[in-house]
Every structure is written in structure tokens, then in C-alpha cells.
Amino acid sequence: MKRQNIAIVMLSVTAALLLAANVFVQPADAMVVLKDRDYQVVTAKIATGGDGLYIMDIRTGQIAVFTYDPASRAVRARTVRNVADAFSVGR
């Protein structure tokens, strides 16, 4: 076998392996939950796309949502609210 044919065979096998890995491997979920005595931290998808970082202060009952802003290349606070507001019944 010529040196050129060996290179073509190796590249073809590598392409087949990468294609198989792309088809059979499931994407990883980015949901992570950390809980301590005073804080609970969760990452989850947000409605506008991308991921959000939710930090809840258990002692004060406040929750803050942070997202990455690609325009300014920084993490920005979206909102800070009481956890009780999420469970209030509309009148």
C-alpha cells in the first residue's frame, strides 16, 4: 500500500468514528443543583435561550437570576425577587 493510500484510509476511519460518536452520544444536560445551609444554586435553561444561574438565599427568601450577556461579555443580574412572589395567587 502506498503512503497516500494509508493516509486516506486512516482519515476515512477517523471520519466514520466521529460520525458514529456524533449520532450515538447524547448531549449533556447542564442542569446542576448545589444546596448548602443558606444558599441553593441551580443552572437551567431560560426562555430567551441560553442558560441562567438561579441563586436562592434561604434565610432572606430572595432569589436572583443571572445570565451571560454576550454583547458586554459579562454576567448580568436579570432580576431579584422574593420567592413568595412566585407562589402568590393572582386576584
PDB file of N, CA and C in Angstrom:
ATOM      1  N   MET A   1       0.833  -1.172   0.000  1.00  0.00           N
ATOM      2  CA  MET A   1       0.000   0.000   0.000  1.00  0.00           C
ATOM      3  C   MET A   1       0.884   1.243   0.000  1.00  0.00           C
ATOM      4  N   LYS A   2       0.499   2.197  -0.783  1.00  0.00           N
ATOM      5  CA  LYS A   2       1.264   3.434  -0.836  1.00  0.00           C
ATOM      6  C   LYS A   2       0.984   4.289   0.389  1.00  0.00           C
ATOM      7  N   ARG A   3       1.887   5.184   0.626  1.00  0.00           N
ATOM      8  CA  ARG A   3       1.760   6.081   1.782  1.00  0.00           C
ATOM      9  C   ARG A   3       0.497   6.943   1.663  1.00  0.00           C
ATOM     10  N   GLN A   4       0.147   7.367   0.470  1.00  0.00           N
ATOM     11  CA  GLN A   4      -1.031   8.187   0.248  1.00  0.00           C
ATOM     12  C   GLN A   4      -2.301   7.387   0.541  1.00  0.00           C
ATOM     13  N   ASN A   5      -2.327   6.124   0.160  1.00  0.00           N
ATOM     14  CA  ASN A   5      -3.498   5.285   0.424  1.00  0.00           C
ATOM     15  C   ASN A   5      -3.680   5.049   1.923  1.00  0.00           C
ATOM     16  N   ILE A   6      -2.604   4.904   2.657  1.00  0.00           N
ATOM     17  CA  ILE A   6      -2.688   4.707   4.108  1.00  0.00           C
ATOM     18  C   ILE A   6      -3.298   5.942   4.762  1.00  0.00           C
ATOM     19  N   ALA A   7      -2.885   7.116   4.322  1.00  0.00           N
ATOM     20  CA  ALA A   7      -3.424   8.355   4.876  1.00  0.00           C
ATOM     21  C   ALA A   7      -4.917   8.474   4.578  1.00  0.00           C
ATOM     22  N   ILE A   8      -5.341   8.118   3.383  1.00  0.00           N
ATOM     23  CA  ILE A   8      -6.753   8.195   3.017  1.00  0.00           C
ATOM     24  C   ILE A   8      -7.578   7.208   3.845  1.00  0.00           C
ATOM     25  N   VAL A   9      -7.073   6.012   4.059  1.00  0.00           N
ATOM     26  CA  VAL A   9      -7.779   5.009   4.864  1.00  0.00           C
ATOM     27  C   VAL A   9      -7.898   5.482   6.308  1.00  0.00           C
ATOM     28  N   MET A  10      -6.816   6.027   6.856  1.00  0.00           N
ATOM     29  CA  MET A  10      -6.846   6.500   8.236  1.00  0.00           C
ATOM     30  C   MET A  10      -7.835   7.660   8.406  1.00  0.00           C
ATOM     31  N   LEU A  11      -7.856   8.585   7.461  1.00  0.00           N
ATOM     32  CA  LEU A  11      -8.786   9.699   7.527  1.00  0.00           C
ATOM     33  C   LEU A  11     -10.236   9.227   7.376  1.00  0.00           C
ATOM     34  N   SER A  12     -10.462   8.240   6.544  1.00  0.00           N
ATOM     35  CA  SER A  12     -11.810   7.701   6.369  1.00  0.00           C
ATOM     36  C   SER A  12     -12.294   7.000   7.632  1.00  0.00           C
ATOM     37  N   VAL A  13     -11.425   6.231   8.283  1.00  0.00           N
ATOM     38  CA  VAL A  13     -11.791   5.555   9.526  1.00  0.00           C
ATOM     39  C   VAL A  13     -12.063   6.582  10.619  1.00  0.00           C
ATOM     40  N   THR A  14     -11.242   7.609  10.697  1.00  0.00           N
ATOM     41  CA  THR A  14     -11.452   8.670  11.691  1.00  0.00           C
ATOM     42  C   THR A  14     -12.779   9.379  11.451  1.00  0.00           C
ATOM     43  N   ALA A  15     -13.103   9.671  10.208  1.00  0.00           N
ATOM     44  CA  ALA A  15     -14.380  10.326   9.882  1.00  0.00           C
ATOM     45  C   ALA A  15     -15.562   9.436  10.254  1.00  0.00           C
ATOM     46  N   ALA A  16     -15.451   8.141  10.011  1.00  0.00           N
ATOM     47  CA  ALA A  16     -16.530   7.215  10.370  1.00  0.00           C
ATOM     48  C   ALA A  16     -16.712   7.141  11.882  1.00  0.00           C
ATOM     49  N   LEU A  17     -15.615   7.130  12.627  1.00  0.00           N
ATOM     50  CA  LEU A  17     -15.711   7.101  14.090  1.00  0.00           C
ATOM     51  C   LEU A  17     -16.329   8.386  14.637  1.00  0.00           C
ATOM     52  N   LEU A  18     -15.952   9.526  14.102  1.00  0.00           N
ATOM     53  CA  LEU A  18     -16.531  10.794  14.546  1.00  0.00           C
ATOM     54  C   LEU A  18     -18.015  10.897  14.191  1.00  0.00           C
ATOM     55  N   LEU A  19     -18.390  10.384  13.043  1.00  0.00           N
ATOM     56  CA  LEU A  19     -19.798  10.376  12.663  1.00  0.00           C
ATOM     57  C   LEU A  19     -20.611   9.477  13.595  1.00  0.00           C
ATOM     58  N   ALA A  20     -20.081   8.302  13.914  1.00  0.00           N
ATOM     59  CA  ALA A  20     -20.768   7.394  14.835  1.00  0.00           C
ATOM     60  C   ALA A  20     -20.880   8.012  16.224  1.00  0.00           C
ATOM     61  N   ALA A  21     -19.839   8.673  16.692  1.00  0.00           N
ATOM     62  CA  ALA A  21     -19.881   9.308  18.006  1.00  0.00           C
ATOM     63  C   ALA A  21     -20.904  10.439  18.021  1.00  0.00           C
ATOM     64  N   ASN A  22     -21.009  11.163  16.932  1.00  0.00           N
ATOM     65  CA  ASN A  22     -21.966  12.262  16.856  1.00  0.00           C
ATOM     66  C   ASN A  22     -23.410  11.747  16.848  1.00  0.00           C
ATOM     67  N   VAL A  23     -23.654  10.604  16.246  1.00  0.00           N
ATOM     68  CA  VAL A  23     -25.004  10.050  16.154  1.00  0.00           C
ATOM     69  C   VAL A  23     -25.424   9.397  17.461  1.00  0.00           C
ATOM     70  N   PHE A  24     -24.526   8.660  18.111  1.00  0.00           N
ATOM     71  CA  PHE A  24     -24.907   7.847  19.256  1.00  0.00           C
ATOM     72  C   PHE A  24     -24.746   8.517  20.620  1.00  0.00           C
ATOM     73  N   VAL A  25     -23.927   9.533  20.728  1.00  0.00           N
ATOM     74  CA  VAL A  25     -23.697  10.177  22.018  1.00  0.00           C
ATOM     75  C   VAL A  25     -24.786  11.207  22.275  1.00  0.00           C
ATOM     76  N   GLN A  26     -25.408  11.139  23.444  1.00  0.00           N
ATOM     77  CA  GLN A  26     -26.459  12.080  23.824  1.00  0.00           C
ATOM     78  C   GLN A  26     -25.819  13.359  24.369  1.00  0.00           C
ATOM     79  N   PRO A  27     -26.420  14.523  24.101  1.00  0.00           N
ATOM     80  CA  PRO A  27     -25.853  15.764  24.648  1.00  0.00           C
ATOM     81  C   PRO A  27     -26.005  15.806  26.163  1.00  0.00           C
ATOM     82  N   ALA A  28     -25.073  16.447  26.805  1.00  0.00           N
ATOM     83  CA  ALA A  28     -25.086  16.544  28.262  1.00  0.00           C
ATOM     84  C   ALA A  28     -26.055  17.633  28.699  1.00  0.00           C
ATOM     85  N   ASP A  29     -26.786  17.366  29.770  1.00  0.00           N
ATOM     86  CA  ASP A  29     -27.645  18.392  30.349  1.00  0.00           C
ATOM     87  C   ASP A  29     -26.812  19.254  31.271  1.00  0.00           C
ATOM     88  N   ALA A  30     -27.070  20.548  31.239  1.00  0.00           N
ATOM     89  CA  ALA A  30     -26.274  21.470  32.032  1.00  0.00           C
ATOM     90  C   ALA A  30     -26.925  21.807  33.364  1.00  0.00           C
ATOM     91  N   MET A  31     -27.943  21.040  33.744  1.00  0.00           N
ATOM     92  CA  MET A  31     -28.638  21.359  34.988  1.00  0.00           C
ATOM     93  C   MET A  31     -27.820  20.848  36.175  1.00  0.00           C
ATOM     94  N   VAL A  32     -27.453  21.760  37.030  1.00  0.00           N
ATOM     95  CA  VAL A  32     -26.662  21.438  38.221  1.00  0.00           C
ATOM     96  C   VAL A  32     -27.334  22.095  39.410  1.00  0.00           C
ATOM     97  N   VAL A  33     -27.428  21.359  40.518  1.00  0.00           N
ATOM     98  CA  VAL A  33     -28.022  21.900  41.733  1.00  0.00           C
ATOM     99  C   VAL A  33     -27.022  21.759  42.865  1.00  0.00           C
ATOM    100  N   LEU A  34     -26.765  22.855  43.554  1.00  0.00           N
ATOM    101  CA  LEU A  34     -25.927  22.854  44.749  1.00  0.00           C
ATOM    102  C   LEU A  34     -26.756  23.407  45.891  1.00  0.00           C
ATOM    103  N   LYS A  35     -26.730  22.718  47.021  1.00  0.00           N
ATOM    104  CA  LYS A  35     -27.524  23.178  48.155  1.00  0.00           C
ATOM    105  C   LYS A  35     -26.648  23.180  49.396  1.00  0.00           C
ATOM    106  N   ASP A  36     -26.705  24.289  50.108  1.00  0.00           N
ATOM    107  CA  ASP A  36     -25.995  24.425  51.370  1.00  0.00           C
ATOM    108  C   ASP A  36     -27.020  24.873  52.403  1.00  0.00           C
ATOM    109  N   ARG A  37     -26.563  25.214  53.562  1.00  0.00           N
ATOM    110  CA  ARG A  37     -27.465  25.611  54.624  1.00  0.00           C
ATOM    111  C   ARG A  37     -28.162  26.932  54.335  1.00  0.00           C
ATOM    112  N   ASP A  38     -27.464  27.855  53.700  1.00  0.00           N
ATOM    113  CA  ASP A  38     -28.006  29.199  53.488  1.00  0.00           C
ATOM    114  C   ASP A  38     -28.385  29.493  52.034  1.00  0.00           C
ATOM    115  N   TYR A  39     -27.783  28.788  51.083  1.00  0.00           N
ATOM    116  CA  TYR A  39     -27.998  29.093  49.671  1.00  0.00           C
ATOM    117  C   TYR A  39     -28.316  27.840  48.884  1.00  0.00           C
ATOM    118  N   GLN A  40     -29.064  28.042  47.793  1.00  0.00           N
ATOM    119  CA  GLN A  40     -29.303  26.980  46.832  1.00  0.00           C
ATOM    120  C   GLN A  40     -29.014  27.570  45.459  1.00  0.00           C
ATOM    121  N   VAL A  41     -28.204  26.878  44.658  1.00  0.00           N
ATOM    122  CA  VAL A  41     -27.786  27.368  43.348  1.00  0.00           C
ATOM    123  C   VAL A  41     -28.212  26.354  42.297  1.00  0.00           C
ATOM    124  N   VAL A  42     -28.877  26.839  41.231  1.00  0.00           N
ATOM    125  CA  VAL A  42     -29.366  25.961  40.169  1.00  0.00           C
ATOM    126  C   VAL A  42     -29.049  26.598  38.824  1.00  0.00           C
ATOM    127  N   THR A  43     -28.598  25.801  37.875  1.00  0.00           N
ATOM    128  CA  THR A  43     -28.472  26.268  36.499  1.00  0.00           C
ATOM    129  C   THR A  43     -29.584  25.630  35.693  1.00  0.00           C
ATOM    130  N   ALA A  44     -30.184  26.391  34.788  1.00  0.00           N
ATOM    131  CA  ALA A  44     -31.277  25.883  33.961  1.00  0.00           C
ATOM    132  C   ALA A  44     -31.405  26.742  32.714  1.00  0.00           C
ATOM    133  N   LYS A  45     -32.108  26.222  31.731  1.00  0.00           N
ATOM    134  CA  LYS A  45     -32.374  26.968  30.501  1.00  0.00           C
ATOM    135  C   LYS A  45     -33.360  28.089  30.801  1.00  0.00           C
ATOM    136  N   ILE A  46     -33.192  29.222  30.100  1.00  0.00           N
ATOM    137  CA  ILE A  46     -34.129  30.330  30.252  1.00  0.00           C
ATOM    138  C   ILE A  46     -34.937  30.470  28.964  1.00  0.00           C
ATOM    139  N   ALA A  47     -36.047  31.179  29.046  1.00  0.00           N
ATOM    140  CA  ALA A  47     -36.978  31.264  27.918  1.00  0.00           C
ATOM    141  C   ALA A  47     -36.377  31.959  26.702  1.00  0.00           C
ATOM    142  N   THR A  48     -35.483  32.915  26.904  1.00  0.00           N
ATOM    143  CA  THR A  48     -34.907  33.651  25.777  1.00  0.00           C
ATOM    144  C   THR A  48     -33.721  32.932  25.139  1.00  0.00           C
ATOM    145  N   GLY A  49     -33.380  31.762  25.654  1.00  0.00           N
ATOM    146  CA  GLY A  49     -32.266  30.997  25.121  1.00  0.00           C
ATOM    147  C   GLY A  49     -31.048  31.142  26.004  1.00  0.00           C
ATOM    148  N   GLY A  50     -30.242  30.140  26.036  1.00  0.00           N
ATOM    149  CA  GLY A  50     -29.055  30.145  26.871  1.00  0.00           C
ATOM    150  C   GLY A  50     -29.346  29.568  28.245  1.00  0.00           C
ATOM    151  N   ASP A  51     -28.414  29.748  29.141  1.00  0.00           N
ATOM    152  CA  ASP A  51     -28.533  29.220  30.494  1.00  0.00           C
ATOM    153  C   ASP A  51     -28.640  30.359  31.492  1.00  0.00           C
ATOM    154  N   GLY A  52     -29.325  30.073  32.581  1.00  0.00           N
ATOM    155  CA  GLY A  52     -29.456  31.034  33.661  1.00  0.00           C
ATOM    156  C   GLY A  52     -28.936  30.435  34.947  1.00  0.00           C
ATOM    157  N   LEU A  53     -28.431  31.275  35.805  1.00  0.00           N
ATOM    158  CA  LEU A  53     -27.951  30.857  37.120  1.00  0.00           C
ATOM    159  C   LEU A  53     -28.912  31.431  38.149  1.00  0.00           C
ATOM    160  N   TYR A  54     -29.596  30.544  38.857  1.00  0.00           N
ATOM    161  CA  TYR A  54     -30.571  30.935  39.872  1.00  0.00           C
ATOM    162  C   TYR A  54     -29.935  30.729  41.243  1.00  0.00           C
ATOM    163  N   ILE A  55     -29.860  31.788  42.029  1.00  0.00           N
ATOM    164  CA  ILE A  55     -29.295  31.710  43.375  1.00  0.00           C
ATOM    165  C   ILE A  55     -30.373  32.128  44.363  1.00  0.00           C
ATOM    166  N   MET A  56     -30.676  31.216  45.303  1.00  0.00           N
ATOM    167  CA  MET A  56     -31.704  31.499  46.299  1.00  0.00           C
ATOM    168  C   MET A  56     -31.072  31.573  47.677  1.00  0.00           C
ATOM    169  N   ASP A  57     -31.320  32.689  48.351  1.00  0.00           N
ATOM    170  CA  ASP A  57     -30.889  32.858  49.727  1.00  0.00           C
ATOM    171  C   ASP A  57     -32.034  32.363  50.609  1.00  0.00           C
ATOM    172  N   ILE A  58     -31.835  31.238  51.261  1.00  0.00           N
ATOM    173  CA  ILE A  58     -32.897  30.606  52.024  1.00  0.00           C
ATOM    174  C   ILE A  58     -33.271  31.435  53.248  1.00  0.00           C
ATOM    175  N   ARG A  59     -32.314  32.077  53.872  1.00  0.00           N
ATOM    176  CA  ARG A  59     -32.606  32.855  55.084  1.00  0.00           C
ATOM    177  C   ARG A  59     -33.467  34.076  54.807  1.00  0.00           C
ATOM    178  N   THR A  60     -33.199  34.794  53.729  1.00  0.00           N
ATOM    179  CA  THR A  60     -33.967  36.008  53.432  1.00  0.00           C
ATOM    180  C   THR A  60     -35.138  35.746  52.501  1.00  0.00           C
ATOM    181  N   GLY A  61     -35.161  34.600  51.828  1.00  0.00           N
ATOM    182  CA  GLY A  61     -36.246  34.293  50.904  1.00  0.00           C
ATOM    183  C   GLY A  61     -36.136  35.030  49.583  1.00  0.00           C
ATOM    184  N   GLN A  62     -34.939  35.451  49.208  1.00  0.00           N
ATOM    185  CA  GLN A  62     -34.706  36.161  47.948  1.00  0.00           C
ATOM    186  C   GLN A  62     -34.143  35.196  46.914  1.00  0.00           C
ATOM    187  N   ILE A  63     -34.518  35.415  45.650  1.00  0.00           N
ATOM    188  CA  ILE A  63     -33.953  34.637  44.558  1.00  0.00           C
ATOM    189  C   ILE A  63     -33.451  35.614  43.496  1.00  0.00           C
ATOM    190  N   ALA A  64     -32.275  35.344  42.956  1.00  0.00           N
ATOM    191  CA  ALA A  64     -31.671  36.181  41.919  1.00  0.00           C
ATOM    192  C   ALA A  64     -31.401  35.328  40.684  1.00  0.00           C
ATOM    193  N   VAL A  65     -31.615  35.903  39.521  1.00  0.00           N
ATOM    194  CA  VAL A  65     -31.372  35.207  38.259  1.00  0.00           C
ATOM    195  C   VAL A  65     -30.270  35.956  37.512  1.00  0.00           C
ATOM    196  N   PHE A  66     -29.224  35.240  37.149  1.00  0.00           N
ATOM    197  CA  PHE A  66     -28.092  35.812  36.421  1.00  0.00           C
ATOM    198  C   PHE A  66     -27.973  35.130  35.066  1.00  0.00           C
ATOM    199  N   THR A  67     -27.653  35.912  34.025  1.00  0.00           N
ATOM    200  CA  THR A  67     -27.414  35.367  32.691  1.00  0.00           C
ATOM    201  C   THR A  67     -26.157  36.004  32.109  1.00  0.00           C
ATOM    202  N   TYR A  68     -25.603  35.345  31.106  1.00  0.00           N
ATOM    203  CA  TYR A  68     -24.427  35.865  30.416  1.00  0.00           C
ATOM    204  C   TYR A  68     -24.877  36.753  29.263  1.00  0.00           C
ATOM    205  N   ASP A  69     -24.348  37.963  29.209  1.00  0.00           N
ATOM    206  CA  ASP A  69     -24.652  38.908  28.143  1.00  0.00           C
ATOM    207  C   ASP A  69     -23.491  38.907  27.150  1.00  0.00           C
ATOM    208  N   PRO A  70     -23.676  38.318  25.951  1.00  0.00           N
ATOM    209  CA  PRO A  70     -22.559  38.247  25.003  1.00  0.00           C
ATOM    210  C   PRO A  70     -22.133  39.606  24.458  1.00  0.00           C
ATOM    211  N   ALA A  71     -23.025  40.584  24.458  1.00  0.00           N
ATOM    212  CA  ALA A  71     -22.667  41.907  23.924  1.00  0.00           C
ATOM    213  C   ALA A  71     -21.618  42.579  24.800  1.00  0.00           C
ATOM    214  N   SER A  72     -21.797  42.498  26.115  1.00  0.00           N
ATOM    215  CA  SER A  72     -20.829  43.135  27.013  1.00  0.00           C
ATOM    216  C   SER A  72     -19.830  42.136  27.594  1.00  0.00           C
ATOM    217  N   ARG A  73     -20.006  40.860  27.255  1.00  0.00           N
ATOM    218  CA  ARG A  73     -19.126  39.781  27.735  1.00  0.00           C
ATOM    219  C   ARG A  73     -19.044  39.755  29.256  1.00  0.00           C
ATOM    220  N   ALA A  74     -20.215  39.826  29.892  1.00  0.00           N
ATOM    221  CA  ALA A  74     -20.266  39.840  31.352  1.00  0.00           C
ATOM    222  C   ALA A  74     -21.525  39.131  31.834  1.00  0.00           C
ATOM    223  N   VAL A  75     -21.502  38.738  33.082  1.00  0.00           N
ATOM    224  CA  VAL A  75     -22.669  38.143  33.718  1.00  0.00           C
ATOM    225  C   VAL A  75     -23.497  39.281  34.312  1.00  0.00           C
ATOM    226  N   ARG A  76     -24.789  39.314  33.978  1.00  0.00           N
ATOM    227  CA  ARG A  76     -25.679  40.376  34.429  1.00  0.00           C
ATOM    228  C   ARG A  76     -26.810  39.796  35.264  1.00  0.00           C
ATOM    229  N   ALA A  77     -27.238  40.533  36.271  1.00  0.00           N
ATOM    230  CA  ALA A  77     -28.395  40.132  37.075  1.00  0.00           C
ATOM    231  C   ALA A  77     -29.656  40.466  36.293  1.00  0.00           C
ATOM    232  N   ARG A  78     -30.512  39.466  36.068  1.00  0.00           N
ATOM    233  CA  ARG A  78     -31.775  39.701  35.373  1.00  0.00           C
ATOM    234  C   ARG A  78     -32.809  40.261  36.332  1.00  0.00           C
ATOM    235  N   THR A  79     -32.972  39.601  37.478  1.00  0.00           N
ATOM    236  CA  THR A  79     -33.967  40.036  38.439  1.00  0.00           C
ATOM    237  C   THR A  79     -33.634  39.494  39.818  1.00  0.00           C
ATOM    238  N   VAL A  80     -34.119  40.181  40.838  1.00  0.00           N
ATOM    239  CA  VAL A  80     -34.020  39.733  42.225  1.00  0.00           C
ATOM    240  C   VAL A  80     -35.400  39.922  42.833  1.00  0.00           C
ATOM    241  N   ARG A  81     -35.984  38.826  43.334  1.00  0.00           N
ATOM    242  CA  ARG A  81     -37.336  38.884  43.881  1.00  0.00           C
ATOM    243  C   ARG A  81     -37.462  37.973  45.087  1.00  0.00           C
ATOM    244  N   ASN A  82     -38.587  38.141  45.789  1.00  0.00           N
ATOM    245  CA  ASN A  82     -38.912  37.232  46.876  1.00  0.00           C
ATOM    246  C   ASN A  82     -39.415  35.919  46.290  1.00  0.00           C
ATOM    247  N   VAL A  83     -39.069  34.822  46.937  1.00  0.00           N
ATOM    248  CA  VAL A  83     -39.523  33.514  46.482  1.00  0.00           C
ATOM    249  C   VAL A  83     -41.040  33.421  46.626  1.00  0.00           C
ATOM    250  N   ALA A  84     -41.599  34.063  47.625  1.00  0.00           N
ATOM    251  CA  ALA A  84     -43.053  34.020  47.843  1.00  0.00           C
ATOM    252  C   ALA A  84     -43.823  34.616  46.671  1.00  0.00           C
ATOM    253  N   ASP A  85     -43.221  35.540  45.912  1.00  0.00           N
ATOM    254  CA  ASP A  85     -43.894  36.131  44.754  1.00  0.00           C
ATOM    255  C   ASP A  85     -44.192  35.092  43.668  1.00  0.00           C
ATOM    256  N   ALA A  86     -43.387  34.069  43.588  1.00  0.00           N
ATOM    257  CA  ALA A  86     -43.596  33.029  42.581  1.00  0.00           C
ATOM    258  C   ALA A  86     -44.820  32.185  42.893  1.00  0.00           C
ATOM    259  N   PHE A  87     -45.239  32.154  44.142  1.00  0.00           N
ATOM    260  CA  PHE A  87     -46.354  31.314  44.553  1.00  0.00           C
ATOM    261  C   PHE A  87     -47.596  32.096  44.909  1.00  0.00           C
ATOM    262  N   SER A  88     -47.603  33.393  44.665  1.00  0.00           N
ATOM    263  CA  SER A  88     -48.777  34.199  45.001  1.00  0.00           C
ATOM    264  C   SER A  88     -49.868  33.967  43.959  1.00  0.00           C
ATOM    265  N   VAL A  89     -51.108  33.951  44.405  1.00  0.00           N
ATOM    266  CA  VAL A  89     -52.252  33.728  43.523  1.00  0.00           C
ATOM    267  C   VAL A  89     -52.727  35.065  42.998  1.00  0.00           C
ATOM    268  N   GLY A  90     -52.887  35.149  41.662  1.00  0.00           N
ATOM    269  CA  GLY A  90     -53.368  36.391  41.057  1.00  0.00           C
ATOM    270  C   GLY A  90     -54.827  36.641  41.405  1.00  0.00           C
ATOM    271  N   ARG A  91     -55.171  37.907  41.632  1.00  0.00           N
ATOM    272  CA  ARG A  91     -56.569  38.248  42.004  1.00  0.00           C
ATOM    273  C   ARG A  91     -57.213  39.060  40.935  1.00  0.00           C
TER     274      ARG A  91
END
